[in-house]
Amino acid sequence: YHSQSVESYFAHCPGLKIVMPRGPRQAKGLLLAAIRDADPVLFFEPKVLYRHNFETAEGDVPVGDYELPLGQAEIVREGKDVTLVGWGSQVMRLEAVAKRAADEGISCEVI
């Protein structure tokens, strides 16, 4: 729901970093990086991810300590015709769109 998507409001506040993972692996790595960052970081978790069954390697969370870099986009899928940009749970939808476009010969990069 748009009324519950407050991340854009906070993204316009100087000095704040906004983090929104797209799955369990990113949640752990980004949360550890957010806790250890010297600047204030707001960590948002899309509720839909709690109910999603991650059957791929994306759902496997390493046991050890690791961080994902803050402020750096992750290229989820390489492509050359068009770039699709999203965050949080919307990345799953973008991946599905990219797969559908690939069936029609369109190469999509997903960030």
N, C-alpha and C. Protein backbone atom coordinates (compact mmCIF):
# COMPACT_ATOMS: atom_id res chain seq x y z
N TYR A 1 0.82 -1.17 0.00
CA TYR A 1 0.00 0.00 0.00
C TYR A 1 0.88 1.25 0.00
N HIS A 2 0.51 2.22 -0.80
CA HIS A 2 1.30 3.44 -0.87
C HIS A 2 1.33 4.19 0.46
N SER A 3 0.26 4.10 1.21
CA SER A 3 0.21 4.82 2.48
C SER A 3 1.19 4.24 3.50
N GLN A 4 1.65 3.03 3.27
CA GLN A 4 2.61 2.40 4.18
C GLN A 4 4.03 2.43 3.62
N SER A 5 4.24 3.10 2.51
CA SER A 5 5.56 3.19 1.89
C SER A 5 6.19 4.54 2.23
N VAL A 6 6.67 4.62 3.45
CA VAL A 6 7.20 5.90 3.94
C VAL A 6 8.68 6.10 3.62
N GLU A 7 9.30 5.13 2.97
CA GLU A 7 10.73 5.23 2.71
C GLU A 7 11.08 6.44 1.85
N SER A 8 10.20 6.83 0.92
CA SER A 8 10.51 7.99 0.07
C SER A 8 10.53 9.27 0.90
N TYR A 9 9.69 9.36 1.91
CA TYR A 9 9.69 10.54 2.79
C TYR A 9 11.05 10.67 3.49
N PHE A 10 11.51 9.57 4.07
CA PHE A 10 12.77 9.61 4.81
C PHE A 10 13.98 9.74 3.88
N ALA A 11 13.86 9.28 2.64
CA ALA A 11 14.97 9.39 1.69
C ALA A 11 15.29 10.85 1.36
N HIS A 12 14.33 11.74 1.59
CA HIS A 12 14.55 13.15 1.32
C HIS A 12 15.06 13.92 2.55
N CYS A 13 15.35 13.21 3.62
CA CYS A 13 15.89 13.84 4.83
C CYS A 13 17.41 13.76 4.78
N PRO A 14 18.09 14.91 4.76
CA PRO A 14 19.55 14.91 4.68
C PRO A 14 20.18 14.15 5.85
N GLY A 15 21.19 13.37 5.54
CA GLY A 15 21.95 12.67 6.58
C GLY A 15 21.44 11.29 6.91
N LEU A 16 20.26 10.91 6.42
CA LEU A 16 19.73 9.58 6.70
C LEU A 16 20.05 8.62 5.56
N LYS A 17 20.35 7.40 5.91
CA LYS A 17 20.49 6.33 4.92
C LYS A 17 19.27 5.43 5.07
N ILE A 18 18.73 4.98 3.94
CA ILE A 18 17.55 4.13 3.93
C ILE A 18 17.93 2.77 3.38
N VAL A 19 17.52 1.71 4.06
CA VAL A 19 17.82 0.35 3.64
C VAL A 19 16.52 -0.44 3.57
N MET A 20 16.34 -1.17 2.46
CA MET A 20 15.18 -2.05 2.33
C MET A 20 15.61 -3.31 1.59
N PRO A 21 15.73 -4.44 2.30
CA PRO A 21 16.19 -5.67 1.67
C PRO A 21 15.14 -6.28 0.75
N ARG A 22 15.62 -7.16 -0.14
CA ARG A 22 14.72 -7.87 -1.04
C ARG A 22 14.54 -9.33 -0.67
N GLY A 23 15.24 -9.78 0.36
CA GLY A 23 15.14 -11.16 0.79
C GLY A 23 15.95 -11.38 2.07
N PRO A 24 15.94 -12.61 2.59
CA PRO A 24 16.62 -12.90 3.86
C PRO A 24 18.13 -12.68 3.84
N ARG A 25 18.78 -13.06 2.75
CA ARG A 25 20.24 -12.90 2.65
C ARG A 25 20.60 -11.41 2.72
N GLN A 26 19.86 -10.59 1.99
CA GLN A 26 20.13 -9.15 2.01
C GLN A 26 19.74 -8.54 3.36
N ALA A 27 18.68 -9.07 3.97
CA ALA A 27 18.23 -8.53 5.26
C ALA A 27 19.33 -8.65 6.30
N LYS A 28 19.96 -9.80 6.39
CA LYS A 28 21.01 -9.98 7.40
C LYS A 28 22.23 -9.11 7.08
N GLY A 29 22.70 -9.15 5.84
CA GLY A 29 23.89 -8.39 5.47
C GLY A 29 23.70 -6.89 5.59
N LEU A 30 22.52 -6.40 5.20
CA LEU A 30 22.26 -4.97 5.29
C LEU A 30 22.00 -4.53 6.73
N LEU A 31 21.35 -5.39 7.52
CA LEU A 31 21.10 -5.03 8.92
C LEU A 31 22.41 -4.92 9.69
N LEU A 32 23.32 -5.86 9.49
CA LEU A 32 24.61 -5.79 10.17
C LEU A 32 25.39 -4.54 9.73
N ALA A 33 25.33 -4.22 8.44
CA ALA A 33 26.01 -3.01 7.95
C ALA A 33 25.36 -1.76 8.53
N ALA A 34 24.03 -1.76 8.64
CA ALA A 34 23.31 -0.60 9.18
C ALA A 34 23.66 -0.37 10.65
N ILE A 35 23.74 -1.44 11.42
CA ILE A 35 24.06 -1.33 12.84
C ILE A 35 25.46 -0.75 13.03
N ARG A 36 26.39 -1.16 12.18
CA ARG A 36 27.78 -0.77 12.33
C ARG A 36 28.13 0.54 11.64
N ASP A 37 27.21 1.10 10.88
CA ASP A 37 27.49 2.34 10.16
C ASP A 37 27.56 3.52 11.12
N ALA A 38 28.45 4.44 10.83
CA ALA A 38 28.62 5.61 11.70
C ALA A 38 27.47 6.61 11.57
N ASP A 39 26.77 6.58 10.44
CA ASP A 39 25.67 7.50 10.19
C ASP A 39 24.34 6.84 10.54
N PRO A 40 23.28 7.64 10.75
CA PRO A 40 21.96 7.06 11.05
C PRO A 40 21.39 6.32 9.83
N VAL A 41 20.89 5.12 10.09
CA VAL A 41 20.33 4.28 9.03
C VAL A 41 18.94 3.82 9.47
N LEU A 42 17.96 3.99 8.59
CA LEU A 42 16.61 3.46 8.82
C LEU A 42 16.48 2.17 8.03
N PHE A 43 16.07 1.12 8.69
CA PHE A 43 15.97 -0.22 8.09
C PHE A 43 14.48 -0.57 7.95
N PHE A 44 14.01 -0.69 6.72
CA PHE A 44 12.61 -1.04 6.45
C PHE A 44 12.54 -2.47 5.94
N GLU A 45 11.57 -3.22 6.46
CA GLU A 45 11.35 -4.58 6.00
C GLU A 45 9.95 -4.68 5.39
N PRO A 46 9.86 -5.04 4.12
CA PRO A 46 8.53 -5.25 3.53
C PRO A 46 7.84 -6.44 4.20
N LYS A 47 6.64 -6.23 4.71
CA LYS A 47 5.93 -7.30 5.42
C LYS A 47 5.68 -8.53 4.55
N VAL A 48 5.52 -8.31 3.25
CA VAL A 48 5.23 -9.44 2.36
C VAL A 48 6.37 -10.46 2.36
N LEU A 49 7.58 -10.02 2.66
CA LEU A 49 8.71 -10.96 2.69
C LEU A 49 8.59 -11.97 3.82
N TYR A 50 7.88 -11.62 4.87
CA TYR A 50 7.68 -12.57 5.98
C TYR A 50 6.84 -13.76 5.54
N ARG A 51 5.96 -13.54 4.58
CA ARG A 51 5.06 -14.60 4.13
C ARG A 51 5.52 -15.30 2.86
N HIS A 52 6.64 -14.85 2.30
CA HIS A 52 7.13 -15.42 1.04
C HIS A 52 8.00 -16.63 1.33
N ASN A 53 7.82 -17.68 0.55
CA ASN A 53 8.63 -18.89 0.68
C ASN A 53 9.79 -18.81 -0.31
N PHE A 54 10.99 -18.57 0.19
CA PHE A 54 12.17 -18.48 -0.66
C PHE A 54 12.72 -19.88 -0.88
N GLU A 55 12.46 -20.43 -2.06
CA GLU A 55 12.88 -21.81 -2.36
C GLU A 55 14.22 -21.85 -3.10
N THR A 56 14.76 -20.70 -3.45
CA THR A 56 16.03 -20.66 -4.17
C THR A 56 17.16 -20.37 -3.18
N ALA A 57 18.36 -20.22 -3.72
CA ALA A 57 19.52 -19.91 -2.88
C ALA A 57 19.37 -18.55 -2.21
N GLU A 58 18.49 -17.69 -2.74
CA GLU A 58 18.25 -16.38 -2.15
C GLU A 58 17.74 -16.50 -0.72
N GLY A 59 17.08 -17.59 -0.40
CA GLY A 59 16.55 -17.79 0.93
C GLY A 59 17.55 -18.34 1.92
N ASP A 60 18.69 -18.82 1.43
CA ASP A 60 19.73 -19.36 2.30
C ASP A 60 20.54 -18.22 2.90
N VAL A 61 20.55 -18.16 4.21
CA VAL A 61 21.28 -17.10 4.90
C VAL A 61 22.54 -17.70 5.52
N PRO A 62 23.71 -17.17 5.14
CA PRO A 62 24.95 -17.69 5.73
C PRO A 62 24.96 -17.51 7.24
N VAL A 63 25.55 -18.45 7.93
CA VAL A 63 25.59 -18.43 9.38
C VAL A 63 26.59 -17.39 9.88
N GLY A 64 27.70 -17.24 9.18
CA GLY A 64 28.76 -16.34 9.62
C GLY A 64 28.40 -14.87 9.51
N ASP A 65 29.31 -14.06 10.01
CA ASP A 65 29.15 -12.61 10.00
C ASP A 65 29.51 -12.07 8.62
N TYR A 66 28.65 -11.26 8.05
CA TYR A 66 28.93 -10.61 6.77
C TYR A 66 28.09 -9.35 6.66
N GLU A 67 28.58 -8.43 5.85
CA GLU A 67 27.87 -7.18 5.60
C GLU A 67 27.73 -6.98 4.10
N LEU A 68 26.65 -6.34 3.70
CA LEU A 68 26.49 -5.90 2.32
C LEU A 68 26.71 -4.39 2.31
N PRO A 69 27.37 -3.87 1.29
CA PRO A 69 27.69 -2.44 1.29
C PRO A 69 26.45 -1.56 1.19
N LEU A 70 26.42 -0.53 2.02
CA LEU A 70 25.33 0.45 1.97
C LEU A 70 25.65 1.47 0.87
N GLY A 71 24.64 1.94 0.18
CA GLY A 71 24.83 2.95 -0.85
C GLY A 71 25.32 2.42 -2.17
N GLN A 72 25.27 1.11 -2.35
CA GLN A 72 25.73 0.51 -3.60
C GLN A 72 24.63 -0.41 -4.13
N ALA A 73 24.21 -0.17 -5.35
CA ALA A 73 23.15 -0.97 -5.95
C ALA A 73 23.65 -2.37 -6.28
N GLU A 74 22.77 -3.33 -6.20
CA GLU A 74 23.09 -4.71 -6.55
C GLU A 74 22.50 -5.02 -7.92
N ILE A 75 23.33 -5.51 -8.83
CA ILE A 75 22.82 -5.94 -10.14
C ILE A 75 22.33 -7.37 -9.96
N VAL A 76 21.01 -7.53 -9.98
CA VAL A 76 20.39 -8.83 -9.75
C VAL A 76 20.41 -9.67 -11.03
N ARG A 77 20.27 -8.98 -12.16
CA ARG A 77 20.25 -9.67 -13.45
C ARG A 77 20.93 -8.77 -14.49
N GLU A 78 21.84 -9.33 -15.26
CA GLU A 78 22.51 -8.59 -16.33
C GLU A 78 21.57 -8.46 -17.53
N GLY A 79 21.64 -7.34 -18.23
CA GLY A 79 20.85 -7.14 -19.43
C GLY A 79 21.42 -6.00 -20.24
N LYS A 80 20.98 -5.89 -21.52
CA LYS A 80 21.56 -4.86 -22.38
C LYS A 80 20.53 -3.96 -23.06
N ASP A 81 19.26 -4.32 -23.06
CA ASP A 81 18.26 -3.51 -23.77
C ASP A 81 17.58 -2.47 -22.89
N VAL A 82 17.29 -2.81 -21.66
CA VAL A 82 16.57 -1.91 -20.76
C VAL A 82 16.98 -2.21 -19.32
N THR A 83 16.91 -1.20 -18.46
CA THR A 83 17.24 -1.37 -17.05
C THR A 83 15.98 -1.17 -16.22
N LEU A 84 15.70 -2.12 -15.33
CA LEU A 84 14.57 -2.05 -14.41
C LEU A 84 15.12 -1.82 -13.01
N VAL A 85 14.65 -0.78 -12.34
CA VAL A 85 15.16 -0.41 -11.02
C VAL A 85 14.05 -0.54 -9.98
N GLY A 86 14.35 -1.21 -8.89
CA GLY A 86 13.37 -1.36 -7.81
C GLY A 86 14.07 -1.61 -6.49
N TRP A 87 13.27 -1.68 -5.42
CA TRP A 87 13.82 -1.97 -4.09
C TRP A 87 12.82 -2.80 -3.32
N GLY A 88 13.33 -3.48 -2.31
CA GLY A 88 12.47 -4.29 -1.46
C GLY A 88 11.80 -5.42 -2.21
N SER A 89 10.56 -5.68 -1.88
CA SER A 89 9.83 -6.81 -2.47
C SER A 89 9.53 -6.61 -3.95
N GLN A 90 9.62 -5.39 -4.46
CA GLN A 90 9.34 -5.15 -5.87
C GLN A 90 10.38 -5.78 -6.79
N VAL A 91 11.56 -6.09 -6.27
CA VAL A 91 12.60 -6.71 -7.08
C VAL A 91 12.13 -8.07 -7.58
N MET A 92 11.36 -8.80 -6.77
CA MET A 92 10.83 -10.10 -7.22
C MET A 92 9.93 -9.91 -8.43
N ARG A 93 9.12 -8.88 -8.42
CA ARG A 93 8.23 -8.60 -9.56
C ARG A 93 9.04 -8.20 -10.78
N LEU A 94 10.08 -7.41 -10.58
CA LEU A 94 10.92 -7.01 -11.70
C LEU A 94 11.63 -8.20 -12.32
N GLU A 95 12.03 -9.15 -11.49
CA GLU A 95 12.66 -10.37 -12.02
C GLU A 95 11.68 -11.16 -12.89
N ALA A 96 10.44 -11.22 -12.46
CA ALA A 96 9.41 -11.91 -13.24
C ALA A 96 9.16 -11.19 -14.56
N VAL A 97 9.15 -9.87 -14.54
CA VAL A 97 8.96 -9.08 -15.76
C VAL A 97 10.14 -9.29 -16.70
N ALA A 98 11.35 -9.31 -16.15
CA ALA A 98 12.55 -9.51 -16.98
C ALA A 98 12.53 -10.88 -17.64
N LYS A 99 12.07 -11.88 -16.91
CA LYS A 99 11.97 -13.24 -17.49
C LYS A 99 10.95 -13.26 -18.62
N ARG A 100 9.83 -12.61 -18.40
CA ARG A 100 8.79 -12.55 -19.44
C ARG A 100 9.29 -11.79 -20.67
N ALA A 101 10.02 -10.70 -20.45
CA ALA A 101 10.58 -9.93 -21.56
C ALA A 101 11.63 -10.75 -22.32
N ALA A 102 12.42 -11.54 -21.57
CA ALA A 102 13.44 -12.38 -22.21
C ALA A 102 12.80 -13.39 -23.15
N ASP A 103 11.61 -13.88 -22.80
CA ASP A 103 10.89 -14.81 -23.68
C ASP A 103 10.51 -14.16 -25.00
N GLU A 104 10.45 -12.82 -25.00
CA GLU A 104 10.12 -12.07 -26.22
C GLU A 104 11.36 -11.45 -26.86
N GLY A 105 12.54 -11.82 -26.37
CA GLY A 105 13.79 -11.36 -26.98
C GLY A 105 14.30 -10.04 -26.46
N ILE A 106 13.79 -9.57 -25.33
CA ILE A 106 14.24 -8.31 -24.74
C ILE A 106 15.12 -8.62 -23.52
N SER A 107 16.34 -8.11 -23.54
CA SER A 107 17.28 -8.35 -22.46
C SER A 107 17.16 -7.25 -21.41
N CYS A 108 16.75 -7.61 -20.20
CA CYS A 108 16.53 -6.64 -19.12
C CYS A 108 17.57 -6.77 -18.03
N GLU A 109 18.14 -5.65 -17.64
CA GLU A 109 18.99 -5.58 -16.45
C GLU A 109 18.09 -5.25 -15.28
N VAL A 110 18.26 -5.96 -14.17
CA VAL A 110 17.48 -5.68 -12.96
C VAL A 110 18.44 -5.20 -11.89
N ILE A 111 18.17 -4.00 -11.37
CA ILE A 111 18.98 -3.42 -10.28
C ILE A 111 18.08 -3.24 -9.09
